[in-house]
Structure formats: structure tokens, C-alpha cells
Amino acid sequence: MCIRDSGGTAPAFLERLVPQVFARLHDYMNLKYNNEYLVVAASGAKASGSPLWYFASEYFIKVSKNSLANASALQQVVSIFEAQLRFPRNVLERLNKSLLPELLRKSYELDLLFVNTIIEASSAHVSAENEADLTKLINLIDTCCEPHYKFSPNDLPIVETYAASLNDIAATIARTCLEHLFRITNCPPNADEASRRMSDITLPTLLRRCEAVIRSFLAEERRMGALAVKKQSLDELLFVLDQLRRLELPAGVITAIPSDTVDGNHNASKLVLRSGPLVDSALLKGNKPHLVYLLPALVACASVREEEAKSHLQAVLEEFLSQLGLPPFQY
């Protein structure tokens, strides 16, 4: 919420009310965990307008956009976003399970609004003094890269019928967030200083997420044995490999240090690669140092069985070869 007087500043007494207004809106937003509403929604009875919790959520998204630029309000806003994007399982289990899919489908519309609001806000926190605030937003976006509607029949048996569609919803939100992480980390040579700053801050989060995607896919493939992995998992891996091939970074964003370096003996603000003496720092001075950093994960990925994944991996490794000045193998 952002209320201004004629001088362009918010009256102090109104600024003090903002946390209370947000807290009350959050109370109304939590009414979605209410069996009475679910019964009405599932019965097809339509009241005039949206239910109160939906209206409160839309209004909160609207008024919180300005407050995301206010450091004192940011933590409360982020906490409420986190609560709305993470369904508390102990609460869900108390609801009428036959009506739960209605709640999840309705919440999906809001989840995309929440995520897009966070994504927009992250672009406004690039300056050095806002680094801590930007990190909070980036961490929340990264959290949403992990599907939050990930149900299995063992968790909620009554939802088994809807598990596929709900997991599709999760994949859509996760992909939206992952796409944004790649977009704000990408930094071509002609990028401005703000883009370089953003890339420097978001890169560690993005690379950890890429490692997690690769690790998750390999684990699932082992678990599935001779069976094919889920299409969602394969699509996620293909997307990550393709984006890693395209990603460009500013020079010096990753620093090589000896593997036996004691923590604290390097610049903590830089992403470091612990390596042996054969890793030349010159490899990290091009615009694709992330391929050096992720090389162990990419090598592990060579064991995948999916032909499409192998093809994407080959394209990434050929890009790495071009960074070394080596031509691709002709056969």
C-alpha cells in the first residue's frame, strides 16, 4: 500500500498502519482453507463476485507492489507471499478432500499473479544498497522453481484422480520462475551496469537450481529403471541445458581458487570454483564461465538414457569446446 500526501511522501501515521492492514488482509486470504467455501464452490452456487479470500488476495497483490520497494514492509510482504504459495499440508488434510481440487484450481490463478508480482519487483531492486532485499525476492522465486503442488497418491489418496493436472499446474509455475532466473542472470557484453549487477547477484542461485534439476533427473532415471521418466522432468532438463548453452555472463563473475583454500581467504561476494591447479583462470574469463563451473554436473549428465537429453547435452559441450577454441569432432 502506498499513500502519498501532496509533498510526495506517505504520512507517518498511515505508514504505521500498513503492517496492520497487510496482517488483516492475510487473515481474509486464509479463508480459502475453509470447508464451507469449498462446499459452495463445488456445488456450483455462485455468489455475486469473487469469494472474500480471493478478493483479499487480489487486493493484497495490488497494494503490495508499491510496498515491495519499501525495505521495512518487504519482509512482511515476502512472508505472506511465501505462505500463499506453500499450501500447509496439515491444514489441507483437515479440509474436505473431495472438494480440495476446486481450491487448488482456483488458487492457481492467484499463484501466477503472486509469482509475476515477485518477478516484477525483483527488477526494481538492483542497486547495491538493495542487494539484501533483492536476495530475498530471488530466494522466493527460486523456491517457486520447486513444484509446490507436488502430490502423490500416498499423501492425499482422494486427490489421486487430479494428481496429473495439479502437477501440470506446478510445472507451469516452476517454469515461469526458472525462465525468469535465466532471463535476469543473462548478461551479454553490451548489457548496462544494472544488468551486470543483477547477474552477479542471481548467478549463485541459478547455478544451484541447475545442479538441483540435473541431480533430480538423474535420481529419477535411476529410480525408474527401464521405464521412461516423467515428461515434466525431461522437459525441465532439456530447458535447463538449452538455457545454459545460451547463457552469457560478465567477465570475472566466477573466480577459481585452489581446492584446499580455507574458507574466508577469498572474496565472499564472488562465486568461487574450488579446483586443482590445472584449471586455468583464463577459462573463467570468457562469457560462459558457468559451463566450467557446472562441468562436473554436465559430465554426470552424460549417463542419461533419453536420446533428446543426450542431444541437448552434446550441444552444451560443443559450446564449451568453442570457448576453448576447439572445433567439434567431425564424424
Protein backbone atom coordinates (compact mmCIF):
# COMPACT_ATOMS: atom_id res chain seq x y z
CA MET A 1 0.00 0.00 0.00
CA CYS A 2 1.38 3.40 -0.91
CA ILE A 3 -0.50 6.51 0.26
CA ARG A 4 1.11 9.85 -0.56
CA ASP A 5 0.45 13.40 0.57
CA SER A 6 0.82 16.44 -1.67
CA GLY A 7 4.56 16.51 -0.97
CA GLY A 8 5.04 13.03 -2.39
CA THR A 9 5.68 11.26 0.91
CA ALA A 10 3.38 8.99 2.87
CA PRO A 11 2.05 10.42 6.16
CA ALA A 12 3.81 8.72 9.06
CA PHE A 13 0.61 7.55 10.75
CA LEU A 14 -0.54 5.86 7.53
CA GLU A 15 2.84 4.17 7.08
CA ARG A 16 2.43 2.72 10.58
CA LEU A 17 -0.94 1.29 9.61
CA VAL A 18 0.37 -0.64 6.60
CA PRO A 19 1.59 -3.72 8.57
CA GLN A 20 -1.79 -3.94 10.32
CA VAL A 21 -3.67 -3.69 7.02
CA PHE A 22 -1.49 -6.39 5.48
CA ALA A 23 -1.98 -8.65 8.51
CA ARG A 24 -5.77 -8.30 8.30
CA LEU A 25 -5.75 -8.96 4.54
CA HIS A 26 -3.71 -12.09 5.22
CA ASP A 27 -6.40 -13.25 7.68
CA TYR A 28 -9.01 -12.90 4.95
CA MET A 29 -6.77 -14.61 2.40
CA ASN A 30 -6.56 -17.64 4.68
CA LEU A 31 -10.34 -18.10 4.48
CA LYS A 32 -9.69 -20.25 1.43
CA TYR A 33 -8.81 -23.04 3.89
CA ASN A 34 -12.49 -23.24 4.79
CA ASN A 35 -14.76 -26.20 4.10
CA GLU A 36 -17.87 -24.01 3.92
CA TYR A 37 -16.50 -22.06 0.97
CA LEU A 38 -15.44 -25.25 -0.76
CA VAL A 39 -18.91 -26.73 -0.45
CA VAL A 40 -20.46 -23.65 -2.05
CA ALA A 41 -17.85 -23.57 -4.82
CA ALA A 42 -18.19 -27.26 -5.66
CA SER A 43 -21.98 -27.15 -5.64
CA GLY A 44 -21.96 -24.69 -8.50
CA ALA A 45 -23.65 -21.99 -6.46
CA LYS A 46 -22.16 -18.67 -7.46
CA ALA A 47 -22.36 -15.66 -5.22
CA SER A 48 -22.07 -12.21 -6.76
CA GLY A 49 -18.40 -11.52 -7.40
CA SER A 50 -15.43 -13.48 -6.11
CA PRO A 51 -15.24 -15.06 -2.65
CA LEU A 52 -13.79 -12.84 0.07
CA TRP A 53 -10.46 -14.68 0.27
CA TYR A 54 -9.97 -14.31 -3.49
CA PHE A 55 -10.83 -10.59 -3.42
CA ALA A 56 -8.49 -10.06 -0.45
CA SER A 57 -5.68 -11.85 -2.30
CA GLU A 58 -6.16 -9.78 -5.45
CA TYR A 59 -6.23 -6.57 -3.41
CA PHE A 60 -3.14 -7.56 -1.45
CA ILE A 61 -1.24 -8.21 -4.69
CA LYS A 62 -2.30 -4.81 -5.98
CA VAL A 63 -1.35 -2.74 -2.93
CA SER A 64 1.81 -4.71 -2.12
CA LYS A 65 3.51 -3.78 -5.40
CA ASN A 66 4.45 -0.34 -4.08
CA SER A 67 5.44 -1.70 -0.68
CA LEU A 68 7.93 -4.11 -2.26
CA ALA A 69 10.14 -1.06 -2.78
CA ASN A 70 9.97 -0.30 0.96
CA ALA A 71 12.56 -2.23 2.94
CA SER A 72 10.53 -2.07 6.16
CA ALA A 73 7.47 -3.65 4.52
CA LEU A 74 9.29 -6.06 2.21
CA GLN A 75 9.84 -8.80 4.78
CA GLN A 76 6.16 -8.92 5.73
CA VAL A 77 5.08 -8.96 2.08
CA VAL A 78 7.52 -11.74 1.21
CA SER A 79 6.38 -13.78 4.23
CA ILE A 80 2.75 -13.51 3.13
CA PHE A 81 3.67 -14.45 -0.44
CA GLU A 82 5.55 -17.49 0.86
CA ALA A 83 2.57 -18.56 2.95
CA GLN A 84 0.20 -18.28 0.00
CA LEU A 85 2.49 -20.15 -2.39
CA ARG A 86 3.05 -23.03 0.03
CA PHE A 87 -0.07 -24.92 1.00
CA PRO A 88 0.29 -26.11 4.62
CA ARG A 89 -0.26 -29.85 4.35
CA ASN A 90 -1.56 -30.16 7.92
CA VAL A 91 -4.30 -27.65 7.01
CA LEU A 92 -5.12 -29.33 3.72
CA GLU A 93 -5.59 -32.65 5.46
CA ARG A 94 -8.33 -31.14 7.63
CA LEU A 95 -10.30 -29.99 4.60
CA ASN A 96 -12.95 -31.94 2.74
CA LYS A 97 -10.72 -33.92 0.37
CA SER A 98 -13.37 -34.32 -2.31
CA LEU A 99 -13.53 -30.52 -2.59
CA LEU A 100 -9.79 -29.89 -2.44
CA PRO A 101 -9.19 -29.84 -6.22
CA GLU A 102 -11.59 -26.88 -6.51
CA LEU A 103 -9.44 -24.94 -4.06
CA LEU A 104 -6.24 -25.80 -5.89
CA ARG A 105 -7.62 -24.84 -9.30
CA LYS A 106 -8.91 -21.51 -8.00
CA SER A 107 -5.64 -20.78 -6.23
CA TYR A 108 -3.67 -21.41 -9.42
CA GLU A 109 -4.92 -18.13 -10.92
CA LEU A 110 -3.68 -16.25 -7.88
CA ASP A 111 -0.39 -18.11 -7.72
CA LEU A 112 0.54 -16.84 -11.17
CA LEU A 113 -0.33 -13.29 -10.06
CA PHE A 114 1.78 -13.70 -6.92
CA VAL A 115 4.72 -15.04 -8.90
CA ASN A 116 4.50 -12.35 -11.58
CA THR A 117 4.36 -9.65 -8.89
CA ILE A 118 7.50 -11.02 -7.27
CA ILE A 119 9.20 -11.22 -10.66
CA GLU A 120 8.32 -7.59 -11.44
CA ALA A 121 9.55 -6.48 -8.02
CA SER A 122 12.90 -8.21 -8.44
CA SER A 123 13.70 -5.90 -11.35
CA ALA A 124 13.35 -2.84 -9.09
CA HIS A 125 15.95 -3.95 -6.51
CA VAL A 126 19.22 -3.86 -8.44
CA SER A 127 21.27 -1.17 -6.72
CA ALA A 128 23.98 -2.12 -4.24
CA GLU A 129 22.06 -0.78 -1.26
CA ASN A 130 19.12 -3.03 -2.14
CA GLU A 131 21.14 -6.22 -2.50
CA ALA A 132 19.68 -7.81 0.65
CA ASP A 133 16.13 -7.03 -0.48
CA LEU A 134 16.82 -8.36 -3.97
CA THR A 135 18.24 -11.55 -2.48
CA LYS A 136 15.01 -12.12 -0.52
CA LEU A 137 12.99 -11.84 -3.73
CA ILE A 138 15.37 -14.05 -5.70
CA ASN A 139 15.23 -16.71 -2.98
CA LEU A 140 11.43 -16.65 -3.13
CA ILE A 141 11.49 -17.03 -6.92
CA ASP A 142 13.92 -19.91 -6.54
CA THR A 143 11.61 -21.55 -4.01
CA CYS A 144 8.81 -21.39 -6.58
CA CYS A 145 11.02 -23.25 -9.07
CA GLU A 146 10.28 -26.28 -6.92
CA PRO A 147 6.77 -27.52 -7.77
CA HIS A 148 4.53 -26.74 -4.80
CA TYR A 149 1.52 -28.79 -5.91
CA LYS A 150 3.57 -31.96 -5.92
CA PHE A 151 1.14 -34.58 -4.63
CA SER A 152 1.48 -38.32 -4.62
CA PRO A 153 -1.35 -40.79 -4.02
CA ASN A 154 0.20 -41.64 -0.64
CA ASP A 155 -0.06 -38.03 0.52
CA LEU A 156 -3.71 -37.44 -0.26
CA PRO A 157 -5.38 -40.53 -1.75
CA ILE A 158 -8.57 -38.68 -2.67
CA VAL A 159 -6.59 -36.35 -4.94
CA GLU A 160 -5.13 -39.19 -6.98
CA THR A 161 -7.63 -38.53 -9.79
CA TYR A 162 -6.38 -34.97 -10.07
CA ALA A 163 -2.68 -35.54 -9.44
CA ALA A 164 -1.61 -35.24 -13.10
CA SER A 165 -3.41 -31.94 -13.73
CA LEU A 166 -2.25 -30.44 -10.43
CA ASN A 167 1.34 -31.41 -11.14
CA ASP A 168 0.96 -29.74 -14.56
CA ILE A 169 -0.05 -26.57 -12.73
CA ALA A 170 3.04 -26.87 -10.55
CA ALA A 171 5.25 -27.32 -13.60
CA THR A 172 3.86 -24.18 -15.23
CA ILE A 173 4.60 -22.01 -12.19
CA ALA A 174 8.02 -23.60 -11.71
CA ARG A 175 8.91 -22.99 -15.38
CA THR A 176 7.80 -19.35 -15.16
CA CYS A 177 10.18 -18.79 -12.24
CA LEU A 178 13.07 -20.70 -13.79
CA GLU A 179 12.70 -18.74 -17.04
CA HIS A 180 12.90 -15.52 -15.03
CA LEU A 181 16.06 -16.60 -13.21
CA PHE A 182 17.75 -17.27 -16.55
CA ARG A 183 16.45 -14.01 -18.01
CA ILE A 184 17.73 -11.74 -15.23
CA THR A 185 21.04 -13.61 -14.95
CA ASN A 186 21.81 -13.43 -18.66
CA CYS A 187 24.27 -10.58 -19.28
CA PRO A 188 25.53 -10.08 -22.86
CA PRO A 189 28.63 -7.90 -23.46
CA ASN A 190 26.55 -4.80 -24.24
CA ALA A 191 24.48 -5.04 -21.04
CA ASP A 192 24.20 -1.99 -18.78
CA GLU A 193 25.58 -1.78 -15.24
CA ALA A 194 22.23 -2.63 -13.63
CA SER A 195 22.01 -5.87 -15.64
CA ARG A 196 25.57 -6.77 -14.69
CA ARG A 197 24.75 -6.16 -11.04
CA MET A 198 21.64 -8.31 -11.26
CA SER A 199 23.56 -11.12 -12.95
CA ASP A 200 26.26 -11.04 -10.30
CA ILE A 201 23.69 -11.41 -7.50
CA THR A 202 21.43 -14.04 -9.08
CA LEU A 203 24.06 -16.35 -10.59
CA PRO A 204 24.76 -18.48 -7.47
CA THR A 205 21.04 -19.15 -7.04
CA LEU A 206 20.60 -20.04 -10.71
CA LEU A 207 23.56 -22.45 -10.79
CA ARG A 208 22.40 -24.20 -7.62
CA ARG A 209 18.97 -24.61 -9.21
CA CYS A 210 20.53 -26.05 -12.40
CA GLU A 211 22.53 -28.54 -10.35
CA ALA A 212 19.35 -29.50 -8.49
CA VAL A 213 17.47 -30.10 -11.77
CA ILE A 214 20.25 -32.32 -13.13
CA ARG A 215 20.59 -34.20 -9.83
CA SER A 216 16.83 -34.73 -9.61
CA PHE A 217 16.60 -36.04 -13.18
CA LEU A 218 19.46 -38.50 -12.71
CA ALA A 219 17.92 -39.75 -9.47
CA GLU A 220 14.53 -40.21 -11.12
CA GLU A 221 16.05 -42.07 -14.06
CA ARG A 222 17.81 -44.46 -11.69
CA ARG A 223 14.62 -44.94 -9.74
CA MET A 224 12.54 -45.65 -12.86
CA GLY A 225 14.93 -48.31 -14.14
CA ALA A 226 13.92 -49.39 -17.65
CA LEU A 227 10.79 -47.19 -17.56
CA ALA A 228 10.77 -43.70 -19.03
CA VAL A 229 10.97 -40.70 -16.71
CA LYS A 230 8.05 -38.28 -16.44
CA LYS A 231 7.71 -35.90 -19.38
CA GLN A 232 7.77 -32.93 -16.98
CA SER A 233 11.17 -33.99 -15.65
CA LEU A 234 12.60 -34.46 -19.14
CA ASP A 235 11.21 -31.12 -20.33
CA GLU A 236 12.75 -29.37 -17.33
CA LEU A 237 16.18 -30.89 -18.01
CA LEU A 238 16.02 -30.03 -21.72
CA PHE A 239 15.07 -26.45 -20.88
CA VAL A 240 17.96 -26.07 -18.43
CA LEU A 241 20.52 -27.50 -20.87
CA ASP A 242 19.29 -25.28 -23.69
CA GLN A 243 19.38 -22.17 -21.49
CA LEU A 244 22.86 -22.99 -20.16
CA ARG A 245 24.09 -23.15 -23.75
CA ARG A 246 22.65 -19.70 -24.48
CA LEU A 247 23.50 -18.01 -21.17
CA GLU A 248 26.11 -15.22 -21.24
CA LEU A 249 27.80 -13.78 -18.16
CA PRO A 250 30.03 -10.80 -17.36
CA ALA A 251 33.77 -11.45 -17.12
CA GLY A 252 35.11 -12.29 -13.68
CA VAL A 253 31.79 -13.28 -12.15
CA ILE A 254 33.26 -16.69 -11.17
CA THR A 255 36.68 -16.95 -9.53
CA ALA A 256 38.88 -20.06 -9.39
CA ILE A 257 40.59 -20.83 -6.08
CA PRO A 258 42.68 -23.84 -5.01
CA SER A 259 40.55 -26.68 -3.68
CA ASP A 260 42.41 -26.62 -0.36
CA THR A 261 41.74 -22.91 0.28
CA VAL A 262 40.45 -22.25 3.79
CA ASP A 263 37.04 -20.56 3.91
CA GLY A 264 37.43 -16.84 4.50
CA ASN A 265 40.54 -16.49 2.33
CA HIS A 266 38.59 -15.28 -0.68
CA ASN A 267 36.07 -12.60 -1.60
CA ALA A 268 32.77 -13.89 -0.22
CA SER A 269 30.80 -11.79 -2.71
CA LYS A 270 32.17 -13.79 -5.65
CA LEU A 271 31.05 -17.20 -6.80
CA VAL A 272 34.10 -19.44 -6.45
CA LEU A 273 35.10 -22.67 -8.13
CA ARG A 274 37.25 -24.88 -5.95
CA SER A 275 39.60 -26.62 -8.34
CA GLY A 276 43.01 -28.14 -8.82
CA PRO A 277 45.96 -26.28 -10.34
CA LEU A 278 45.12 -27.39 -13.89
CA VAL A 279 42.01 -25.23 -14.08
CA ASP A 280 43.32 -22.08 -15.74
CA SER A 281 41.57 -18.92 -14.60
CA ALA A 282 41.55 -17.90 -18.27
CA LEU A 283 38.75 -20.44 -18.77
CA LEU A 284 36.60 -18.32 -16.49
CA LYS A 285 37.29 -15.01 -18.25
CA GLY A 286 35.05 -15.62 -21.24
CA ASN A 287 31.31 -15.03 -21.33
CA LYS A 288 30.41 -18.63 -20.42
CA PRO A 289 32.28 -19.42 -17.18
CA HIS A 290 29.19 -21.20 -15.88
CA LEU A 291 29.97 -24.13 -18.20
CA VAL A 292 33.29 -24.60 -16.38
CA TYR A 293 31.58 -24.32 -13.02
CA LEU A 294 28.91 -26.87 -13.96
CA LEU A 295 31.22 -29.23 -15.86
CA PRO A 296 31.08 -31.97 -13.15
CA ALA A 297 27.26 -31.92 -13.31
CA LEU A 298 27.33 -31.96 -17.12
CA VAL A 299 29.71 -34.92 -17.15
CA ALA A 300 27.40 -36.79 -14.76
CA CYS A 301 24.56 -35.98 -17.14
CA ALA A 302 26.33 -37.97 -19.87
CA SER A 303 24.85 -41.14 -18.36
CA VAL A 304 21.27 -40.23 -19.28
CA ARG A 305 19.36 -42.69 -21.44
CA GLU A 306 16.98 -40.24 -23.11
CA GLU A 307 18.19 -39.52 -26.64
CA GLU A 308 16.79 -35.99 -26.66
CA ALA A 309 18.67 -35.19 -23.45
CA LYS A 310 21.88 -36.55 -24.97
CA SER A 311 21.42 -34.30 -27.99
CA HIS A 312 20.94 -31.21 -25.80
CA LEU A 313 23.93 -32.14 -23.66
CA GLN A 314 26.09 -32.53 -26.77
CA ALA A 315 25.10 -29.01 -27.87
CA VAL A 316 26.17 -27.63 -24.46
CA LEU A 317 29.52 -29.42 -24.58
CA GLU A 318 30.15 -28.21 -28.13
CA GLU A 319 29.56 -24.68 -26.88
CA PHE A 320 32.15 -25.37 -24.18
CA LEU A 321 34.60 -26.57 -26.84
CA SER A 322 34.11 -23.34 -28.77
CA GLN A 323 35.07 -21.42 -25.62
CA LEU A 324 38.30 -23.40 -25.58
CA GLY A 325 38.92 -22.59 -29.25
CA LEU A 326 38.47 -26.24 -30.24
CA PRO A 327 36.35 -27.35 -33.22
CA PRO A 328 33.67 -30.00 -32.77
CA PHE A 329 34.67 -33.57 -33.60
CA GLN A 330 33.82 -34.47 -37.20
CA TYR A 331 32.36 -37.91 -37.81
